Amino acid sequence: MGKEEKKAPKEKIILGIDPGTNIMGYGLILIEGKKYSLLQFGVIHLKKYNTHELKLKKIFERVTGIIDEFNPDSVALEAPFYGENIQSMLKLGRAQGVAMAAALAREIPITEYSPKKVKQSVTGNGNASKEQVAEMLKTLLNIKELPKLLDGTDALAVALCHHFHDGRIQSKGRTAGWKSFLEENPDRVKGL
């Protein structure tokens, strides 16, 4: 008998989304073992649609189309950050929810990362600017030319963050979700 054949590294695709109500960024990376490479990135322009409801419909349609074309194994989204304008936050949350619903409708697992976590994962600095994140991605993913709108590179950063954390939120002593919370706090769960 000869040497055992090496298993080919498992391929997977991660779709990163930077939610927005006027411009939504998306980015796809291919993972082969420990290597990663750029598949595609871009933006979905939403300013031209008159109503928020129509924008939400277009987000759902475009994200579903991207999912159907690339068949990602997971979707990573940037969580909305706290803002002064409550109406803007509400609209942004809806946009994120619709993108999540598109992934969930195709039974693709989703993970959410804070903007600070994304920047920290990609640049080593949680307070990095959009431009610094884009420049680092240019190097990491061998992007020839950066676009004018950095929402697409922001989405790539979310996808890369997800790869670096392998889909697990690093919680530093705090629970990372309901399942973890329930496992770590069985005494706080009341029977039905």
C-alpha atoms as a PDB file:
ATOM      1  CA  MET A   1       0.000   0.000   0.000  1.00  0.00           C
ATOM      2  CA  GLY A   2       1.209   3.462  -0.883  1.00  0.00           C
ATOM      3  CA  LYS A   3       1.088   6.668   1.023  1.00  0.00           C
ATOM      4  CA  GLU A   4      -2.310   7.946   2.013  1.00  0.00           C
ATOM      5  CA  GLU A   5      -3.672  10.477  -0.414  1.00  0.00           C
ATOM      6  CA  LYS A   6      -3.851  13.992   0.903  1.00  0.00           C
ATOM      7  CA  LYS A   7      -7.370  15.289   1.132  1.00  0.00           C
ATOM      8  CA  ALA A   8      -7.991  18.362  -0.956  1.00  0.00           C
ATOM      9  CA  PRO A   9      -8.798  21.374   1.207  1.00  0.00           C
ATOM     10  CA  LYS A  10     -12.524  21.929   1.543  1.00  0.00           C
ATOM     11  CA  GLU A  11     -13.733  24.891  -0.433  1.00  0.00           C
ATOM     12  CA  LYS A  12     -16.259  27.303   0.950  1.00  0.00           C
ATOM     13  CA  ILE A  13     -17.616  30.679  -0.041  1.00  0.00           C
ATOM     14  CA  ILE A  14     -18.385  33.497   2.373  1.00  0.00           C
ATOM     15  CA  LEU A  15     -20.668  36.391   1.465  1.00  0.00           C
ATOM     16  CA  GLY A  16     -20.013  39.550   3.442  1.00  0.00           C
ATOM     17  CA  ILE A  17     -22.624  42.310   3.576  1.00  0.00           C
ATOM     18  CA  ASP A  18     -22.270  45.918   4.665  1.00  0.00           C
ATOM     19  CA  PRO A  19     -25.933  46.936   5.081  1.00  0.00           C
ATOM     20  CA  GLY A  20     -27.093  50.321   3.886  1.00  0.00           C
ATOM     21  CA  THR A  21     -30.264  52.059   2.808  1.00  0.00           C
ATOM     22  CA  ASN A  22     -28.711  54.060  -0.024  1.00  0.00           C
ATOM     23  CA  ILE A  23     -25.703  51.880  -0.832  1.00  0.00           C
ATOM     24  CA  MET A  24     -25.280  48.293   0.313  1.00  0.00           C
ATOM     25  CA  GLY A  25     -21.890  46.647  -0.072  1.00  0.00           C
ATOM     26  CA  TYR A  26     -21.335  42.977  -0.781  1.00  0.00           C
ATOM     27  CA  GLY A  27     -18.186  40.893  -1.085  1.00  0.00           C
ATOM     28  CA  LEU A  28     -17.491  37.254  -1.742  1.00  0.00           C
ATOM     29  CA  ILE A  29     -14.356  35.343  -0.857  1.00  0.00           C
ATOM     30  CA  LEU A  30     -13.357  31.769  -1.632  1.00  0.00           C
ATOM     31  CA  ILE A  31     -11.726  29.754   1.133  1.00  0.00           C
ATOM     32  CA  GLU A  32      -9.543  26.776   0.187  1.00  0.00           C
ATOM     33  CA  GLY A  33      -8.090  25.271   3.332  1.00  0.00           C
ATOM     34  CA  LYS A  34      -6.294  28.186   4.997  1.00  0.00           C
ATOM     35  CA  LYS A  35      -5.993  30.178   1.775  1.00  0.00           C
ATOM     36  CA  TYR A  36      -8.501  32.818   0.769  1.00  0.00           C
ATOM     37  CA  SER A  37      -9.076  34.718  -2.441  1.00  0.00           C
ATOM     38  CA  LEU A  38     -11.386  37.333  -3.882  1.00  0.00           C
ATOM     39  CA  LEU A  39     -14.364  36.193  -5.924  1.00  0.00           C
ATOM     40  CA  GLN A  40     -16.319  39.418  -6.393  1.00  0.00           C
ATOM     41  CA  PHE A  41     -17.328  42.601  -4.632  1.00  0.00           C
ATOM     42  CA  GLY A  42     -19.478  45.592  -5.386  1.00  0.00           C
ATOM     43  CA  VAL A  43     -22.359  47.742  -4.290  1.00  0.00           C
ATOM     44  CA  ILE A  44     -26.103  47.762  -4.676  1.00  0.00           C
ATOM     45  CA  HIS A  45     -27.287  51.314  -5.447  1.00  0.00           C
ATOM     46  CA  LEU A  46     -30.590  52.082  -3.748  1.00  0.00           C
ATOM     47  CA  LYS A  47     -30.857  55.897  -3.867  1.00  0.00           C
ATOM     48  CA  LYS A  48     -32.837  55.776  -7.097  1.00  0.00           C
ATOM     49  CA  TYR A  49     -35.788  54.034  -5.402  1.00  0.00           C
ATOM     50  CA  ASN A  50     -38.378  56.453  -4.024  1.00  0.00           C
ATOM     51  CA  THR A  51     -39.670  54.600  -0.976  1.00  0.00           C
ATOM     52  CA  HIS A  52     -38.027  52.696   1.831  1.00  0.00           C
ATOM     53  CA  GLU A  53     -40.281  49.716   1.104  1.00  0.00           C
ATOM     54  CA  LEU A  54     -39.099  49.562  -2.502  1.00  0.00           C
ATOM     55  CA  LYS A  55     -35.469  49.745  -1.323  1.00  0.00           C
ATOM     56  CA  LEU A  56     -36.104  46.797   1.003  1.00  0.00           C
ATOM     57  CA  LYS A  57     -37.650  44.818  -1.848  1.00  0.00           C
ATOM     58  CA  LYS A  58     -34.598  45.521  -4.052  1.00  0.00           C
ATOM     59  CA  ILE A  59     -32.219  44.511  -1.237  1.00  0.00           C
ATOM     60  CA  PHE A  60     -34.029  41.198  -0.880  1.00  0.00           C
ATOM     61  CA  GLU A  61     -34.035  40.585  -4.644  1.00  0.00           C
ATOM     62  CA  ARG A  62     -30.362  41.513  -5.172  1.00  0.00           C
ATOM     63  CA  VAL A  63     -29.050  39.602  -2.149  1.00  0.00           C
ATOM     64  CA  THR A  64     -31.130  36.564  -3.164  1.00  0.00           C
ATOM     65  CA  GLY A  65     -29.699  36.857  -6.697  1.00  0.00           C
ATOM     66  CA  ILE A  66     -26.116  36.968  -5.390  1.00  0.00           C
ATOM     67  CA  ILE A  67     -26.819  33.966  -3.152  1.00  0.00           C
ATOM     68  CA  ASP A  68     -28.342  32.019  -6.039  1.00  0.00           C
ATOM     69  CA  GLU A  69     -25.383  32.839  -8.307  1.00  0.00           C
ATOM     70  CA  PHE A  70     -22.556  32.042  -5.865  1.00  0.00           C
ATOM     71  CA  ASN A  71     -24.207  29.632  -3.396  1.00  0.00           C
ATOM     72  CA  PRO A  72     -22.251  30.820  -0.332  1.00  0.00           C
ATOM     73  CA  ASP A  73     -21.771  28.525   2.651  1.00  0.00           C
ATOM     74  CA  SER A  74     -22.266  31.375   5.107  1.00  0.00           C
ATOM     75  CA  VAL A  75     -23.233  35.029   5.246  1.00  0.00           C
ATOM     76  CA  ALA A  76     -21.537  37.558   7.515  1.00  0.00           C
ATOM     77  CA  LEU A  77     -23.065  40.968   8.177  1.00  0.00           C
ATOM     78  CA  GLU A  78     -21.801  44.097   9.803  1.00  0.00           C
ATOM     79  CA  ALA A  79     -24.026  45.043  12.723  1.00  0.00           C
ATOM     80  CA  PRO A  80     -25.492  48.536  12.663  1.00  0.00           C
ATOM     81  CA  PHE A  81     -23.697  50.862  15.039  1.00  0.00           C
ATOM     82  CA  TYR A  82     -25.474  53.261  17.344  1.00  0.00           C
ATOM     83  CA  GLY A  83     -26.281  56.584  15.751  1.00  0.00           C
ATOM     84  CA  GLU A  84     -27.899  59.819  16.845  1.00  0.00           C
ATOM     85  CA  ASN A  85     -30.751  59.606  14.331  1.00  0.00           C
ATOM     86  CA  ILE A  86     -33.232  56.957  15.490  1.00  0.00           C
ATOM     87  CA  GLN A  87     -35.110  56.927  12.143  1.00  0.00           C
ATOM     88  CA  SER A  88     -31.864  56.229  10.258  1.00  0.00           C
ATOM     89  CA  MET A  89     -31.013  53.422  12.677  1.00  0.00           C
ATOM     90  CA  LEU A  90     -34.458  51.909  12.236  1.00  0.00           C
ATOM     91  CA  LYS A  91     -34.126  51.976   8.431  1.00  0.00           C
ATOM     92  CA  LEU A  92     -30.629  50.518   8.583  1.00  0.00           C
ATOM     93  CA  GLY A  93     -31.841  47.745  10.885  1.00  0.00           C
ATOM     94  CA  ARG A  94     -34.620  46.933   8.442  1.00  0.00           C
ATOM     95  CA  ALA A  95     -32.129  46.792   5.559  1.00  0.00           C
ATOM     96  CA  GLN A  96     -29.944  44.417   7.558  1.00  0.00           C
ATOM     97  CA  GLY A  97     -32.981  42.311   8.489  1.00  0.00           C
ATOM     98  CA  VAL A  98     -34.037  41.960   4.864  1.00  0.00           C
ATOM     99  CA  ALA A  99     -30.507  40.862   3.875  1.00  0.00           C
ATOM    100  CA  MET A 100     -30.594  38.340   6.736  1.00  0.00           C
ATOM    101  CA  ALA A 101     -34.004  37.090   5.592  1.00  0.00           C
ATOM    102  CA  ALA A 102     -32.653  36.512   2.071  1.00  0.00           C
ATOM    103  CA  ALA A 103     -29.904  34.284   3.498  1.00  0.00           C
ATOM    104  CA  LEU A 104     -32.228  32.502   5.901  1.00  0.00           C
ATOM    105  CA  ALA A 105     -34.742  31.870   3.093  1.00  0.00           C
ATOM    106  CA  ARG A 106     -31.967  29.846   1.396  1.00  0.00           C
ATOM    107  CA  GLU A 107     -31.060  28.201   4.737  1.00  0.00           C
ATOM    108  CA  ILE A 108     -27.611  29.803   4.845  1.00  0.00           C
ATOM    109  CA  PRO A 109     -26.210  30.460   8.318  1.00  0.00           C
ATOM    110  CA  ILE A 110     -25.621  34.105   9.222  1.00  0.00           C
ATOM    111  CA  THR A 111     -23.228  35.736  11.665  1.00  0.00           C
ATOM    112  CA  GLU A 112     -23.109  39.352  12.722  1.00  0.00           C
ATOM    113  CA  TYR A 113     -19.944  41.295  13.613  1.00  0.00           C
ATOM    114  CA  SER A 114     -19.530  44.744  15.111  1.00  0.00           C
ATOM    115  CA  PRO A 115     -17.739  47.340  12.963  1.00  0.00           C
ATOM    116  CA  LYS A 116     -14.949  47.464  15.566  1.00  0.00           C
ATOM    117  CA  LYS A 117     -14.499  43.652  15.441  1.00  0.00           C
ATOM    118  CA  VAL A 118     -14.306  43.741  11.627  1.00  0.00           C
ATOM    119  CA  LYS A 119     -11.693  46.516  11.586  1.00  0.00           C
ATOM    120  CA  GLN A 120      -9.683  44.837  14.357  1.00  0.00           C
ATOM    121  CA  SER A 121      -9.702  41.502  12.514  1.00  0.00           C
ATOM    122  CA  VAL A 122      -8.540  42.941   9.199  1.00  0.00           C
ATOM    123  CA  THR A 123      -6.165  45.751  10.200  1.00  0.00           C
ATOM    124  CA  GLY A 124      -5.308  45.054  13.835  1.00  0.00           C
ATOM    125  CA  ASN A 125      -6.882  48.410  14.755  1.00  0.00           C
ATOM    126  CA  GLY A 126     -10.540  48.542  15.795  1.00  0.00           C
ATOM    127  CA  ASN A 127     -10.604  52.277  15.042  1.00  0.00           C
ATOM    128  CA  ALA A 128      -9.183  52.030  11.512  1.00  0.00           C
ATOM    129  CA  SER A 129     -10.714  54.230   8.812  1.00  0.00           C
ATOM    130  CA  LYS A 130     -12.580  52.861   5.783  1.00  0.00           C
ATOM    131  CA  GLU A 131      -9.540  53.821   3.699  1.00  0.00           C
ATOM    132  CA  GLN A 132      -7.145  51.894   5.968  1.00  0.00           C
ATOM    133  CA  VAL A 133      -9.395  48.820   5.799  1.00  0.00           C
ATOM    134  CA  ALA A 134      -9.559  49.093   1.998  1.00  0.00           C
ATOM    135  CA  GLU A 135      -5.758  49.426   1.694  1.00  0.00           C
ATOM    136  CA  MET A 136      -5.222  46.339   3.860  1.00  0.00           C
ATOM    137  CA  LEU A 137      -7.737  44.378   1.767  1.00  0.00           C
ATOM    138  CA  LYS A 138      -5.961  45.531  -1.392  1.00  0.00           C
ATOM    139  CA  THR A 139      -2.873  43.744  -0.080  1.00  0.00           C
ATOM    140  CA  LEU A 140      -4.579  40.703   1.485  1.00  0.00           C
ATOM    141  CA  LEU A 141      -6.854  39.953  -1.485  1.00  0.00           C
ATOM    142  CA  ASN A 142      -4.618  41.260  -4.267  1.00  0.00           C
ATOM    143  CA  ILE A 143      -7.128  43.882  -5.427  1.00  0.00           C
ATOM    144  CA  LYS A 144      -5.665  45.829  -8.352  1.00  0.00           C
ATOM    145  CA  GLU A 145      -7.626  49.051  -7.970  1.00  0.00           C
ATOM    146  CA  LEU A 146      -9.884  50.238  -5.172  1.00  0.00           C
ATOM    147  CA  PRO A 147     -13.326  51.556  -6.119  1.00  0.00           C
ATOM    148  CA  LYS A 148     -14.559  55.068  -5.296  1.00  0.00           C
ATOM    149  CA  LEU A 149     -17.259  53.660  -3.005  1.00  0.00           C
ATOM    150  CA  LEU A 150     -15.736  51.667  -0.146  1.00  0.00           C
ATOM    151  CA  ASP A 151     -18.957  49.881   0.861  1.00  0.00           C
ATOM    152  CA  GLY A 152     -17.866  46.869  -1.226  1.00  0.00           C
ATOM    153  CA  THR A 153     -14.485  46.675   0.501  1.00  0.00           C
ATOM    154  CA  ASP A 154     -16.252  47.044   3.862  1.00  0.00           C
ATOM    155  CA  ALA A 155     -18.324  43.981   2.936  1.00  0.00           C
ATOM    156  CA  LEU A 156     -15.163  42.072   1.961  1.00  0.00           C
ATOM    157  CA  ALA A 157     -13.737  42.980   5.370  1.00  0.00           C
ATOM    158  CA  VAL A 158     -16.798  41.434   7.044  1.00  0.00           C
ATOM    159  CA  ALA A 159     -16.358  38.224   5.005  1.00  0.00           C
ATOM    160  CA  LEU A 160     -12.651  38.060   5.879  1.00  0.00           C
ATOM    161  CA  CYS A 161     -13.403  38.728   9.556  1.00  0.00           C
ATOM    162  CA  HIS A 162     -15.819  35.781   9.457  1.00  0.00           C
ATOM    163  CA  HIS A 163     -13.109  33.567   7.965  1.00  0.00           C
ATOM    164  CA  PHE A 164     -10.547  34.668  10.554  1.00  0.00           C
ATOM    165  CA  HIS A 165     -12.988  33.850  13.363  1.00  0.00           C
ATOM    166  CA  ASP A 166     -14.191  30.719  11.591  1.00  0.00           C
ATOM    167  CA  GLY A 167     -17.779  31.779  12.209  1.00  0.00           C
ATOM    168  CA  ARG A 168     -17.324  31.994  15.975  1.00  0.00           C
ATOM    169  CA  ILE A 169     -17.729  35.256  17.815  1.00  0.00           C
ATOM    170  CA  GLN A 170     -14.872  35.730  20.257  1.00  0.00           C
ATOM    171  CA  SER A 171     -16.778  36.608  23.405  1.00  0.00           C
ATOM    172  CA  LYS A 172     -14.110  37.034  26.144  1.00  0.00           C
ATOM    173  CA  GLY A 173     -16.163  35.594  28.962  1.00  0.00           C
ATOM    174  CA  ARG A 174     -19.555  36.665  27.689  1.00  0.00           C
ATOM    175  CA  THR A 175     -21.975  34.403  25.905  1.00  0.00           C
ATOM    176  CA  ALA A 176     -21.919  34.468  22.131  1.00  0.00           C
ATOM    177  CA  GLY A 177     -25.575  33.584  21.610  1.00  0.00           C
ATOM    178  CA  TRP A 178     -28.674  32.080  23.153  1.00  0.00           C
ATOM    179  CA  LYS A 179     -27.370  28.525  22.906  1.00  0.00           C
ATOM    180  CA  SER A 180     -24.170  29.443  24.760  1.00  0.00           C
ATOM    181  CA  PHE A 181     -26.133  31.466  27.292  1.00  0.00           C
ATOM    182  CA  LEU A 182     -28.466  28.548  28.006  1.00  0.00           C
ATOM    183  CA  GLU A 183     -25.555  26.104  28.316  1.00  0.00           C
ATOM    184  CA  GLU A 184     -23.636  28.427  30.658  1.00  0.00           C
ATOM    185  CA  ASN A 185     -26.678  29.452  32.740  1.00  0.00           C
ATOM    186  CA  PRO A 186     -28.971  26.423  33.175  1.00  0.00           C
ATOM    187  CA  ASP A 187     -30.167  27.781  36.540  1.00  0.00           C
ATOM    188  CA  ARG A 188     -31.585  30.900  34.855  1.00  0.00           C
ATOM    189  CA  VAL A 189     -33.904  28.939  32.532  1.00  0.00           C
ATOM    190  CA  LYS A 190     -37.426  28.415  33.824  1.00  0.00           C
ATOM    191  CA  GLY A 191     -39.469  25.420  32.712  1.00  0.00           C
ATOM    192  CA  LEU A 192     -42.560  25.866  30.609  1.00  0.00           C
END
